[in-house]
Amino acid sequence: MGGFVEGADRQQASFLPACLEDYVDADNPVRIIDAFVDELDLSELGFARVQPASTGRPGYAPGTMLKLYVYGYLHQLTSSRKLEREASRNIELMWLTGKLVPDFKTIADFRHDNAGSIQIACQRFVGICRALGLVGGGMVAIDGSRLRAVNTHEKNYTKGKLARRKAHVEESIARYLAELEEADRAETGPATPRIEHLTERLASLRG
C-alpha cells in the first residue's frame, strides 16, 4: 500500500472531547500547579487586588495569573509575550486558566505589582514538589489535602538543609524573573506581523 499517512480534515466536524478536562491526564503536572495555587492564601502572601473591585472593568484573578507564572517558571517561558502566546495555544494552559488569555502587558503588570509574592509562591511550589519526590521524576495525581500534609512535612528538614535548598531555589526563581524583565524590555517594539499579512507577503514573493 502506497501513499502517506493523512491528517484530519480541518473542516470536518470531530468527535474529539469537547471538554478541556478530557485533554489533561489525571497525572499531568499541571494539576499540581492548579491544586497548589488554589490552596494558597494570596492575601497572606501579599498579592495585590485579591478581592475584585466593586466598580470598573473586571480584572484577572491573581490566582489565575499566578498559575500562569508558575507554569512559565517550570517551562522557562521567559517573556510576557511567550506566556500570552502559550496561553492561547497550549492545551495545558487553557485547562489551567479556563481558556483565559491575558495580554502581554497585563501579564507584565502583574509581575511588576507582585514580584516578591510570585517568588515566594514559586519557592513554596518547588519545596512541595521536592517533598513529594516530583522534582526530576514522574508526577502524580494530587489534591489539596495532600498538599497540606506536605507543607507540614517540609518543617521536619534540618535548618541547614532547608537554608541551602531555599537559597538555591531563590536564586533560580530570581533569575527567571530577571530574564522575564529583560526579555520584556527587549520586546517593546512592534508585535509580530499578523498571519494575514505574512501570507500576503508569501503570495507576492511567489509572484
N, C-alpha and C. Protein backbone atom coordinates (compact mmCIF):
# COMPACT_ATOMS: atom_id res chain seq x y z
N MET A 1 0.85 -1.19 0.00
CA MET A 1 0.00 0.00 0.00
C MET A 1 0.89 1.24 0.00
N GLY A 2 0.67 2.13 -0.98
CA GLY A 2 1.49 3.33 -1.09
C GLY A 2 0.87 4.53 -0.42
N GLY A 3 1.49 5.68 -0.66
CA GLY A 3 0.97 6.93 -0.12
C GLY A 3 1.52 7.26 1.25
N PHE A 4 1.01 8.35 1.80
CA PHE A 4 1.45 8.83 3.11
C PHE A 4 0.31 8.77 4.12
N VAL A 5 0.67 8.79 5.39
CA VAL A 5 -0.33 8.90 6.44
C VAL A 5 -1.01 10.27 6.32
N GLU A 6 -2.32 10.29 6.32
CA GLU A 6 -3.07 11.53 6.13
C GLU A 6 -3.58 12.08 7.45
N GLY A 7 -3.50 13.40 7.58
CA GLY A 7 -4.04 14.06 8.76
C GLY A 7 -5.54 14.26 8.65
N ALA A 8 -6.12 14.80 9.71
CA ALA A 8 -7.57 15.02 9.74
C ALA A 8 -7.94 16.21 8.86
N ASP A 9 -9.15 16.17 8.34
CA ASP A 9 -9.70 17.29 7.58
C ASP A 9 -10.06 18.41 8.55
N ARG A 10 -9.44 19.57 8.40
CA ARG A 10 -9.68 20.67 9.34
C ARG A 10 -11.11 21.18 9.30
N GLN A 11 -11.80 20.97 8.20
CA GLN A 11 -13.16 21.48 8.06
C GLN A 11 -14.22 20.49 8.53
N GLN A 12 -13.80 19.28 8.85
CA GLN A 12 -14.77 18.24 9.21
C GLN A 12 -15.06 18.26 10.71
N ALA A 13 -16.33 18.12 11.05
CA ALA A 13 -16.72 18.05 12.46
C ALA A 13 -16.06 16.85 13.11
N SER A 14 -15.70 16.99 14.37
CA SER A 14 -14.94 15.95 15.05
C SER A 14 -15.69 15.47 16.29
N PHE A 15 -15.42 14.21 16.65
CA PHE A 15 -15.98 13.66 17.87
C PHE A 15 -14.95 13.66 19.00
N LEU A 16 -13.88 14.45 18.82
CA LEU A 16 -12.89 14.59 19.88
C LEU A 16 -13.55 15.19 21.12
N PRO A 17 -12.96 14.97 22.29
CA PRO A 17 -13.57 15.53 23.51
C PRO A 17 -13.75 17.04 23.41
N ALA A 18 -14.96 17.51 23.72
CA ALA A 18 -15.22 18.94 23.70
C ALA A 18 -14.87 19.57 25.04
N CYS A 19 -14.66 18.75 26.05
CA CYS A 19 -14.37 19.22 27.41
C CYS A 19 -12.87 19.27 27.64
N LEU A 20 -12.36 20.42 28.11
CA LEU A 20 -10.93 20.56 28.37
C LEU A 20 -10.42 19.50 29.35
N GLU A 21 -11.26 19.14 30.30
CA GLU A 21 -10.86 18.16 31.32
C GLU A 21 -10.39 16.86 30.69
N ASP A 22 -10.99 16.49 29.56
CA ASP A 22 -10.66 15.23 28.92
C ASP A 22 -9.29 15.25 28.24
N TYR A 23 -8.71 16.42 28.05
CA TYR A 23 -7.41 16.52 27.39
C TYR A 23 -6.24 16.51 28.38
N VAL A 24 -6.54 16.60 29.67
CA VAL A 24 -5.48 16.68 30.68
C VAL A 24 -5.54 15.43 31.54
N ASP A 25 -4.51 14.58 31.44
CA ASP A 25 -4.47 13.33 32.18
C ASP A 25 -4.51 13.57 33.68
N ALA A 26 -4.94 12.55 34.40
CA ALA A 26 -5.05 12.67 35.86
C ALA A 26 -3.70 12.90 36.51
N ASP A 27 -2.61 12.43 35.89
CA ASP A 27 -1.27 12.60 36.48
C ASP A 27 -0.47 13.70 35.79
N ASN A 28 -1.14 14.56 35.05
CA ASN A 28 -0.44 15.67 34.40
C ASN A 28 0.05 16.66 35.46
N PRO A 29 1.32 17.09 35.39
CA PRO A 29 1.87 18.03 36.38
C PRO A 29 1.08 19.31 36.52
N VAL A 30 0.36 19.70 35.48
CA VAL A 30 -0.39 20.96 35.55
C VAL A 30 -1.45 20.91 36.64
N ARG A 31 -1.90 19.71 36.98
CA ARG A 31 -2.90 19.57 38.05
C ARG A 31 -2.30 19.92 39.42
N ILE A 32 -1.02 19.68 39.57
CA ILE A 32 -0.36 20.03 40.83
C ILE A 32 -0.30 21.55 40.98
N ILE A 33 0.00 22.24 39.88
CA ILE A 33 0.01 23.70 39.91
C ILE A 33 -1.37 24.22 40.32
N ASP A 34 -2.40 23.65 39.72
CA ASP A 34 -3.77 24.09 39.98
C ASP A 34 -4.13 23.89 41.45
N ALA A 35 -3.86 22.69 41.98
CA ALA A 35 -4.18 22.40 43.37
C ALA A 35 -3.36 23.25 44.33
N PHE A 36 -2.09 23.45 44.00
CA PHE A 36 -1.19 24.24 44.85
C PHE A 36 -1.68 25.68 44.98
N VAL A 37 -1.94 26.33 43.85
CA VAL A 37 -2.35 27.74 43.90
C VAL A 37 -3.70 27.88 44.58
N ASP A 38 -4.61 26.94 44.33
CA ASP A 38 -5.93 27.03 44.95
C ASP A 38 -5.86 26.93 46.48
N GLU A 39 -4.78 26.30 47.00
CA GLU A 39 -4.63 26.16 48.44
C GLU A 39 -3.96 27.36 49.10
N LEU A 40 -3.38 28.26 48.31
CA LEU A 40 -2.64 29.39 48.87
C LEU A 40 -3.56 30.47 49.40
N ASP A 41 -3.11 31.13 50.45
CA ASP A 41 -3.76 32.35 50.92
C ASP A 41 -3.03 33.51 50.25
N LEU A 42 -3.57 34.00 49.15
CA LEU A 42 -2.87 35.01 48.37
C LEU A 42 -2.74 36.33 49.12
N SER A 43 -3.70 36.62 49.99
CA SER A 43 -3.60 37.84 50.80
C SER A 43 -2.42 37.75 51.75
N GLU A 44 -2.24 36.59 52.36
CA GLU A 44 -1.13 36.39 53.30
C GLU A 44 0.21 36.52 52.59
N LEU A 45 0.25 36.14 51.33
CA LEU A 45 1.48 36.25 50.55
C LEU A 45 1.73 37.66 50.03
N GLY A 46 0.74 38.52 50.18
CA GLY A 46 0.93 39.92 49.78
C GLY A 46 0.54 40.26 48.37
N PHE A 47 -0.24 39.40 47.71
CA PHE A 47 -0.66 39.71 46.35
C PHE A 47 -1.64 40.88 46.35
N ALA A 48 -1.49 41.73 45.35
CA ALA A 48 -2.36 42.90 45.22
C ALA A 48 -3.71 42.51 44.61
N ARG A 49 -4.74 43.26 44.99
CA ARG A 49 -6.08 43.13 44.40
C ARG A 49 -6.62 41.70 44.45
N VAL A 50 -6.49 41.08 45.62
CA VAL A 50 -7.02 39.72 45.80
C VAL A 50 -8.54 39.73 45.74
N GLN A 51 -9.15 40.78 46.26
CA GLN A 51 -10.60 40.93 46.19
C GLN A 51 -10.96 41.75 44.94
N PRO A 52 -11.96 41.30 44.19
CA PRO A 52 -12.32 42.04 42.97
C PRO A 52 -12.86 43.42 43.29
N ALA A 53 -12.58 44.37 42.41
CA ALA A 53 -13.10 45.73 42.58
C ALA A 53 -14.61 45.74 42.39
N SER A 54 -15.28 46.59 43.15
CA SER A 54 -16.74 46.66 43.07
C SER A 54 -17.21 47.46 41.87
N THR A 55 -16.32 48.25 41.30
CA THR A 55 -16.67 49.06 40.12
C THR A 55 -15.61 48.89 39.05
N GLY A 56 -15.93 49.33 37.85
CA GLY A 56 -14.96 49.28 36.77
C GLY A 56 -14.92 47.94 36.07
N ARG A 57 -14.01 47.83 35.13
CA ARG A 57 -13.89 46.62 34.33
C ARG A 57 -13.27 45.49 35.16
N PRO A 58 -13.86 44.29 35.12
CA PRO A 58 -13.30 43.17 35.89
C PRO A 58 -11.87 42.86 35.45
N GLY A 59 -11.02 42.54 36.42
CA GLY A 59 -9.65 42.15 36.11
C GLY A 59 -9.49 40.64 36.24
N TYR A 60 -8.29 40.17 35.94
CA TYR A 60 -7.99 38.75 36.09
C TYR A 60 -7.71 38.44 37.56
N ALA A 61 -8.18 37.30 38.01
CA ALA A 61 -7.94 36.89 39.40
C ALA A 61 -6.45 36.65 39.61
N PRO A 62 -5.88 37.10 40.73
CA PRO A 62 -4.47 36.86 40.99
C PRO A 62 -4.09 35.38 40.94
N GLY A 63 -5.01 34.51 41.37
CA GLY A 63 -4.72 33.08 41.32
C GLY A 63 -4.50 32.59 39.90
N THR A 64 -5.31 33.07 38.98
CA THR A 64 -5.16 32.70 37.57
C THR A 64 -3.82 33.17 37.03
N MET A 65 -3.45 34.41 37.35
CA MET A 65 -2.18 34.95 36.87
C MET A 65 -1.00 34.21 37.49
N LEU A 66 -1.12 33.85 38.76
CA LEU A 66 -0.04 33.11 39.42
C LEU A 66 0.14 31.74 38.79
N LYS A 67 -0.95 31.06 38.47
CA LYS A 67 -0.86 29.76 37.81
C LYS A 67 -0.09 29.89 36.50
N LEU A 68 -0.34 30.96 35.77
CA LEU A 68 0.36 31.21 34.52
C LEU A 68 1.86 31.36 34.77
N TYR A 69 2.22 32.08 35.81
CA TYR A 69 3.64 32.30 36.11
C TYR A 69 4.33 31.05 36.63
N VAL A 70 3.66 30.26 37.47
CA VAL A 70 4.27 29.02 37.95
C VAL A 70 4.51 28.08 36.77
N TYR A 71 3.53 27.99 35.89
CA TYR A 71 3.70 27.16 34.69
C TYR A 71 4.86 27.69 33.85
N GLY A 72 4.92 29.01 33.70
CA GLY A 72 6.01 29.61 32.93
C GLY A 72 7.36 29.34 33.53
N TYR A 73 7.44 29.36 34.87
CA TYR A 73 8.70 29.07 35.55
C TYR A 73 9.15 27.64 35.27
N LEU A 74 8.24 26.70 35.38
CA LEU A 74 8.58 25.29 35.15
C LEU A 74 9.02 25.03 33.72
N HIS A 75 8.44 25.75 32.78
CA HIS A 75 8.72 25.53 31.36
C HIS A 75 9.61 26.62 30.76
N GLN A 76 10.13 27.49 31.61
CA GLN A 76 11.06 28.54 31.19
C GLN A 76 10.51 29.36 30.01
N LEU A 77 9.30 29.84 30.18
CA LEU A 77 8.70 30.77 29.21
C LEU A 77 9.12 32.17 29.65
N THR A 78 10.17 32.67 29.03
CA THR A 78 10.92 33.79 29.60
C THR A 78 10.55 35.16 29.04
N SER A 79 9.32 35.38 28.67
CA SER A 79 8.85 36.73 28.36
C SER A 79 7.33 36.75 28.47
N SER A 80 6.79 37.93 28.70
CA SER A 80 5.34 38.06 28.81
C SER A 80 4.65 37.71 27.51
N ARG A 81 5.29 38.01 26.39
CA ARG A 81 4.70 37.66 25.09
C ARG A 81 4.64 36.14 24.91
N LYS A 82 5.67 35.44 25.38
CA LYS A 82 5.66 33.98 25.29
C LYS A 82 4.54 33.40 26.16
N LEU A 83 4.37 33.96 27.34
CA LEU A 83 3.29 33.49 28.21
C LEU A 83 1.93 33.74 27.56
N GLU A 84 1.75 34.91 26.96
CA GLU A 84 0.50 35.21 26.27
C GLU A 84 0.27 34.22 25.12
N ARG A 85 1.31 33.99 24.34
CA ARG A 85 1.18 33.11 23.18
C ARG A 85 0.84 31.69 23.61
N GLU A 86 1.51 31.19 24.64
CA GLU A 86 1.24 29.82 25.09
C GLU A 86 -0.15 29.70 25.69
N ALA A 87 -0.62 30.75 26.35
CA ALA A 87 -1.97 30.70 26.93
C ALA A 87 -3.04 30.56 25.85
N SER A 88 -2.73 31.02 24.64
CA SER A 88 -3.72 30.97 23.56
C SER A 88 -3.67 29.67 22.76
N ARG A 89 -2.60 28.87 22.94
CA ARG A 89 -2.47 27.68 22.09
C ARG A 89 -2.11 26.40 22.84
N ASN A 90 -1.70 26.52 24.08
CA ASN A 90 -1.24 25.38 24.86
C ASN A 90 -2.41 24.79 25.64
N ILE A 91 -2.74 23.54 25.36
CA ILE A 91 -3.94 22.94 25.96
C ILE A 91 -3.83 22.86 27.47
N GLU A 92 -2.61 22.66 28.00
CA GLU A 92 -2.43 22.62 29.45
C GLU A 92 -2.75 23.97 30.08
N LEU A 93 -2.26 25.04 29.46
CA LEU A 93 -2.56 26.37 29.99
C LEU A 93 -4.02 26.74 29.80
N MET A 94 -4.62 26.30 28.70
CA MET A 94 -6.06 26.54 28.52
C MET A 94 -6.84 25.90 29.67
N TRP A 95 -6.44 24.68 30.03
CA TRP A 95 -7.09 24.00 31.15
C TRP A 95 -6.83 24.75 32.45
N LEU A 96 -5.58 25.17 32.65
CA LEU A 96 -5.17 25.79 33.90
C LEU A 96 -5.85 27.14 34.14
N THR A 97 -6.02 27.91 33.07
CA THR A 97 -6.57 29.27 33.20
C THR A 97 -8.05 29.36 32.82
N GLY A 98 -8.64 28.24 32.42
CA GLY A 98 -10.03 28.30 31.95
C GLY A 98 -10.15 29.02 30.63
N LYS A 99 -9.13 28.85 29.77
CA LYS A 99 -9.07 29.45 28.43
C LYS A 99 -8.99 30.98 28.46
N LEU A 100 -8.54 31.53 29.56
CA LEU A 100 -8.30 32.97 29.62
C LEU A 100 -6.94 33.28 29.01
N VAL A 101 -6.86 34.37 28.26
CA VAL A 101 -5.61 34.76 27.61
C VAL A 101 -5.31 36.23 27.92
N PRO A 102 -4.69 36.51 29.06
CA PRO A 102 -4.31 37.90 29.34
C PRO A 102 -3.29 38.38 28.31
N ASP A 103 -3.35 39.66 27.94
CA ASP A 103 -2.36 40.17 27.00
C ASP A 103 -1.02 40.37 27.71
N PHE A 104 0.03 40.51 26.92
CA PHE A 104 1.38 40.54 27.49
C PHE A 104 1.57 41.69 28.47
N LYS A 105 0.91 42.81 28.23
CA LYS A 105 1.05 43.96 29.14
C LYS A 105 0.42 43.66 30.49
N THR A 106 -0.74 43.02 30.48
CA THR A 106 -1.39 42.63 31.73
C THR A 106 -0.51 41.65 32.50
N ILE A 107 0.11 40.72 31.77
CA ILE A 107 0.99 39.73 32.40
C ILE A 107 2.20 40.42 33.03
N ALA A 108 2.79 41.36 32.30
CA ALA A 108 3.96 42.08 32.81
C ALA A 108 3.58 42.95 34.01
N ASP A 109 2.44 43.63 33.93
CA ASP A 109 2.00 44.49 35.03
C ASP A 109 1.78 43.68 36.31
N PHE A 110 1.23 42.48 36.16
CA PHE A 110 1.01 41.63 37.33
C PHE A 110 2.34 41.29 37.99
N ARG A 111 3.36 41.02 37.18
CA ARG A 111 4.68 40.71 37.74
C ARG A 111 5.27 41.93 38.45
N HIS A 112 5.13 43.09 37.84
CA HIS A 112 5.67 44.31 38.47
C HIS A 112 5.00 44.58 39.82
N ASP A 113 3.70 44.31 39.90
CA ASP A 113 2.95 44.57 41.13
C ASP A 113 3.17 43.51 42.20
N ASN A 114 3.60 42.30 41.78
CA ASN A 114 3.62 41.17 42.72
C ASN A 114 4.90 40.34 42.65
N ALA A 115 6.01 40.94 42.24
CA ALA A 115 7.24 40.17 42.02
C ALA A 115 7.66 39.38 43.26
N GLY A 116 7.67 40.04 44.41
CA GLY A 116 8.08 39.35 45.64
C GLY A 116 7.15 38.21 46.00
N SER A 117 5.86 38.42 45.84
CA SER A 117 4.88 37.39 46.16
C SER A 117 4.98 36.21 45.20
N ILE A 118 5.22 36.49 43.92
CA ILE A 118 5.40 35.42 42.94
C ILE A 118 6.60 34.57 43.32
N GLN A 119 7.68 35.22 43.74
CA GLN A 119 8.89 34.48 44.10
C GLN A 119 8.64 33.58 45.30
N ILE A 120 7.95 34.09 46.30
CA ILE A 120 7.65 33.27 47.48
C ILE A 120 6.78 32.07 47.09
N ALA A 121 5.76 32.31 46.26
CA ALA A 121 4.86 31.23 45.84
C ALA A 121 5.61 30.16 45.06
N CYS A 122 6.50 30.57 44.16
CA CYS A 122 7.27 29.60 43.38
C CYS A 122 8.20 28.80 44.28
N GLN A 123 8.78 29.45 45.29
CA GLN A 123 9.64 28.75 46.24
C GLN A 123 8.86 27.67 46.97
N ARG A 124 7.67 28.01 47.41
CA ARG A 124 6.83 27.03 48.10
C ARG A 124 6.47 25.88 47.18
N PHE A 125 6.18 26.20 45.92
CA PHE A 125 5.80 25.16 44.97
C PHE A 125 6.94 24.18 44.77
N VAL A 126 8.15 24.70 44.56
CA VAL A 126 9.31 23.82 44.37
C VAL A 126 9.54 22.98 45.62
N GLY A 127 9.39 23.58 46.80
CA GLY A 127 9.57 22.83 48.03
C GLY A 127 8.58 21.68 48.15
N ILE A 128 7.34 21.92 47.79
CA ILE A 128 6.33 20.87 47.84
C ILE A 128 6.65 19.76 46.84
N CYS A 129 7.06 20.13 45.65
CA CYS A 129 7.41 19.13 44.64
C CYS A 129 8.59 18.28 45.10
N ARG A 130 9.56 18.90 45.76
CA ARG A 130 10.70 18.14 46.28
C ARG A 130 10.24 17.16 47.36
N ALA A 131 9.40 17.63 48.25
CA ALA A 131 8.92 16.78 49.33
C ALA A 131 8.12 15.59 48.81
N LEU A 132 7.44 15.79 47.70
CA LEU A 132 6.67 14.71 47.08
C LEU A 132 7.51 13.82 46.19
N GLY A 133 8.78 14.18 46.02
CA GLY A 133 9.65 13.41 45.14
C GLY A 133 9.34 13.62 43.68
N LEU A 134 8.85 14.81 43.33
CA LEU A 134 8.41 15.07 41.97
C LEU A 134 9.43 15.84 41.14
N VAL A 135 10.50 16.31 41.75
CA VAL A 135 11.50 17.06 41.00
C VAL A 135 12.37 16.08 40.24
N GLY A 136 12.34 16.21 38.91
CA GLY A 136 13.14 15.34 38.06
C GLY A 136 12.54 13.97 37.86
N GLY A 137 11.32 13.75 38.37
CA GLY A 137 10.70 12.45 38.20
C GLY A 137 9.28 12.57 37.71
N GLY A 138 8.53 11.47 37.80
CA GLY A 138 7.15 11.49 37.34
C GLY A 138 6.26 12.24 38.30
N MET A 139 5.16 12.74 37.80
CA MET A 139 4.19 13.45 38.61
C MET A 139 3.02 12.52 38.93
N VAL A 140 2.33 12.82 39.99
CA VAL A 140 1.19 12.00 40.39
C VAL A 140 -0.03 12.88 40.60
N ALA A 141 -1.19 12.26 40.58
CA ALA A 141 -2.41 13.00 40.87
C ALA A 141 -2.35 13.49 42.31
N ILE A 142 -2.89 14.67 42.56
CA ILE A 142 -2.74 15.27 43.88
C ILE A 142 -3.98 16.09 44.20
N ASP A 143 -4.28 16.22 45.47
CA ASP A 143 -5.39 17.09 45.86
C ASP A 143 -4.93 18.00 47.00
N GLY A 144 -5.80 18.89 47.40
CA GLY A 144 -5.43 19.88 48.39
C GLY A 144 -5.02 19.28 49.73
N SER A 145 -5.66 18.19 50.16
CA SER A 145 -5.33 17.60 51.45
C SER A 145 -3.90 17.08 51.46
N ARG A 146 -3.46 16.51 50.35
CA ARG A 146 -2.08 16.02 50.27
C ARG A 146 -1.11 17.19 50.33
N LEU A 147 -1.45 18.30 49.68
CA LEU A 147 -0.58 19.47 49.71
C LEU A 147 -0.44 20.00 51.14
N ARG A 148 -1.51 20.01 51.90
CA ARG A 148 -1.44 20.49 53.28
C ARG A 148 -0.54 19.59 54.11
N ALA A 149 -0.62 18.28 53.88
CA ALA A 149 0.23 17.34 54.60
C ALA A 149 1.70 17.56 54.27
N VAL A 150 1.98 17.85 53.02
CA VAL A 150 3.36 18.08 52.60
C VAL A 150 3.90 19.35 53.22
N ASN A 151 3.09 20.37 53.33
CA ASN A 151 3.52 21.62 53.97
C ASN A 151 4.01 21.35 55.39
N THR A 152 3.33 20.46 56.11
CA THR A 152 3.74 20.10 57.46
C THR A 152 5.04 19.31 57.42
N HIS A 153 5.16 18.39 56.47
CA HIS A 153 6.35 17.55 56.34
C HIS A 153 7.60 18.39 56.07
N GLU A 154 7.46 19.46 55.32
CA GLU A 154 8.60 20.32 54.99
C GLU A 154 9.27 20.87 56.25
N LYS A 155 8.51 21.04 57.33
CA LYS A 155 9.05 21.63 58.55
C LYS A 155 10.01 20.68 59.27
N ASN A 156 10.05 19.40 58.86
CA ASN A 156 10.88 18.42 59.54
C ASN A 156 12.32 18.40 59.05
N TYR A 157 12.65 19.14 57.99
CA TYR A 157 14.02 19.18 57.50
C TYR A 157 14.91 19.98 58.45
N THR A 158 16.21 19.65 58.47
CA THR A 158 17.15 20.41 59.29
C THR A 158 17.28 21.83 58.77
N LYS A 159 17.65 22.74 59.66
CA LYS A 159 17.74 24.15 59.27
C LYS A 159 18.79 24.36 58.18
N GLY A 160 19.92 23.65 58.31
CA GLY A 160 20.98 23.82 57.31
C GLY A 160 20.55 23.36 55.93
N LYS A 161 19.89 22.21 55.88
CA LYS A 161 19.45 21.67 54.60
C LYS A 161 18.39 22.57 53.98
N LEU A 162 17.48 23.04 54.81
CA LEU A 162 16.45 23.94 54.30
C LEU A 162 17.05 25.24 53.80
N ALA A 163 18.05 25.76 54.50
CA ALA A 163 18.67 27.02 54.10
C ALA A 163 19.35 26.88 52.75
N ARG A 164 20.08 25.77 52.56
CA ARG A 164 20.76 25.55 51.28
C ARG A 164 19.75 25.39 50.15
N ARG A 165 18.73 24.61 50.41
CA ARG A 165 17.70 24.40 49.39
C ARG A 165 16.99 25.71 49.06
N LYS A 166 16.67 26.47 50.10
CA LYS A 166 15.96 27.73 49.92
C LYS A 166 16.80 28.70 49.09
N ALA A 167 18.10 28.77 49.38
CA ALA A 167 18.98 29.68 48.64
C ALA A 167 19.05 29.31 47.17
N HIS A 168 19.13 28.02 46.90
CA HIS A 168 19.22 27.56 45.51
C HIS A 168 17.93 27.89 44.75
N VAL A 169 16.80 27.62 45.38
CA VAL A 169 15.51 27.89 44.73
C VAL A 169 15.31 29.38 44.53
N GLU A 170 15.66 30.17 45.55
CA GLU A 170 15.53 31.62 45.43
C GLU A 170 16.33 32.16 44.26
N GLU A 171 17.55 31.66 44.12
CA GLU A 171 18.41 32.11 43.01
C GLU A 171 17.80 31.75 41.67
N SER A 172 17.27 30.53 41.56
CA SER A 172 16.67 30.08 40.30
C SER A 172 15.46 30.92 39.92
N ILE A 173 14.59 31.18 40.89
CA ILE A 173 13.37 31.95 40.61
C ILE A 173 13.70 33.40 40.32
N ALA A 174 14.64 33.97 41.08
CA ALA A 174 15.04 35.35 40.84
C ALA A 174 15.62 35.50 39.44
N ARG A 175 16.39 34.51 39.02
CA ARG A 175 16.97 34.55 37.68
C ARG A 175 15.88 34.49 36.62
N TYR A 176 14.87 33.66 36.85
CA TYR A 176 13.76 33.57 35.90
C TYR A 176 13.01 34.89 35.79
N LEU A 177 12.71 35.52 36.93
CA LEU A 177 12.00 36.80 36.90
C LEU A 177 12.84 37.88 36.24
N ALA A 178 14.16 37.83 36.46
CA ALA A 178 15.05 38.81 35.81
C ALA A 178 15.07 38.60 34.30
N GLU A 179 15.05 37.34 33.87
CA GLU A 179 15.02 37.05 32.43
C GLU A 179 13.72 37.55 31.81
N LEU A 180 12.62 37.40 32.53
CA LEU A 180 11.34 37.93 32.05
C LEU A 180 11.42 39.44 31.86
N GLU A 181 11.97 40.11 32.85
CA GLU A 181 12.07 41.56 32.80
C GLU A 181 12.93 42.00 31.62
N GLU A 182 14.07 41.33 31.45
CA GLU A 182 14.98 41.69 30.36
C GLU A 182 14.34 41.42 29.00
N ALA A 183 13.66 40.27 28.88
CA ALA A 183 13.01 39.93 27.61
C ALA A 183 11.89 40.91 27.29
N ASP A 184 11.13 41.31 28.30
CA ASP A 184 10.04 42.26 28.06
C ASP A 184 10.57 43.60 27.59
N ARG A 185 11.68 44.04 28.15
CA ARG A 185 12.28 45.30 27.69
C ARG A 185 12.75 45.19 26.25
N ALA A 186 13.28 44.02 25.89
CA ALA A 186 13.78 43.82 24.53
C ALA A 186 12.66 43.69 23.52
N GLU A 187 11.45 43.35 23.99
CA GLU A 187 10.33 43.11 23.09
C GLU A 187 9.33 44.27 23.09
N THR A 188 9.79 45.46 23.39
CA THR A 188 8.88 46.60 23.42
C THR A 188 8.58 47.14 22.03
N GLY A 189 9.24 46.60 21.01
CA GLY A 189 9.00 47.04 19.64
C GLY A 189 7.69 46.50 19.11
N PRO A 190 7.45 46.67 17.80
CA PRO A 190 6.20 46.21 17.19
C PRO A 190 6.00 44.72 17.38
N ALA A 191 4.75 44.34 17.50
CA ALA A 191 4.42 42.92 17.64
C ALA A 191 4.69 42.19 16.33
N THR A 192 4.75 40.86 16.43
CA THR A 192 4.95 40.04 15.24
C THR A 192 3.84 40.31 14.22
N PRO A 193 4.17 40.44 12.93
CA PRO A 193 3.14 40.70 11.92
C PRO A 193 2.04 39.65 11.95
N ARG A 194 0.82 40.08 11.66
CA ARG A 194 -0.31 39.17 11.66
C ARG A 194 -0.17 38.15 10.54
N ILE A 195 -0.80 36.98 10.74
CA ILE A 195 -0.71 35.89 9.78
C ILE A 195 -1.20 36.33 8.41
N GLU A 196 -2.29 37.14 8.38
CA GLU A 196 -2.84 37.56 7.08
C GLU A 196 -1.78 38.32 6.28
N HIS A 197 -1.05 39.18 6.98
CA HIS A 197 -0.02 39.98 6.31
C HIS A 197 1.10 39.08 5.80
N LEU A 198 1.48 38.10 6.61
CA LEU A 198 2.57 37.21 6.21
C LEU A 198 2.18 36.37 5.00
N THR A 199 0.93 35.89 4.96
CA THR A 199 0.51 35.08 3.82
C THR A 199 0.45 35.92 2.55
N GLU A 200 0.06 37.20 2.70
CA GLU A 200 0.07 38.09 1.53
C GLU A 200 1.49 38.30 1.02
N ARG A 201 2.43 38.48 1.95
CA ARG A 201 3.83 38.66 1.56
C ARG A 201 4.35 37.41 0.85
N LEU A 202 3.99 36.25 1.38
CA LEU A 202 4.43 34.99 0.78
C LEU A 202 3.89 34.86 -0.63
N ALA A 203 2.60 35.21 -0.82
CA ALA A 203 2.00 35.13 -2.15
C ALA A 203 2.70 36.06 -3.13
N SER A 204 3.06 37.27 -2.66
CA SER A 204 3.74 38.22 -3.55
C SER A 204 5.13 37.74 -3.93
N LEU A 205 5.80 37.06 -3.00
CA LEU A 205 7.14 36.54 -3.30
C LEU A 205 7.07 35.41 -4.32
N ARG A 206 6.00 34.62 -4.24
CA ARG A 206 5.84 33.54 -5.22
C ARG A 206 5.57 34.12 -6.60
N GLY A 207 4.86 35.35 -6.57
CA GLY A 207 4.54 36.13 -7.75
C GLY A 207 4.54 35.37 -9.00
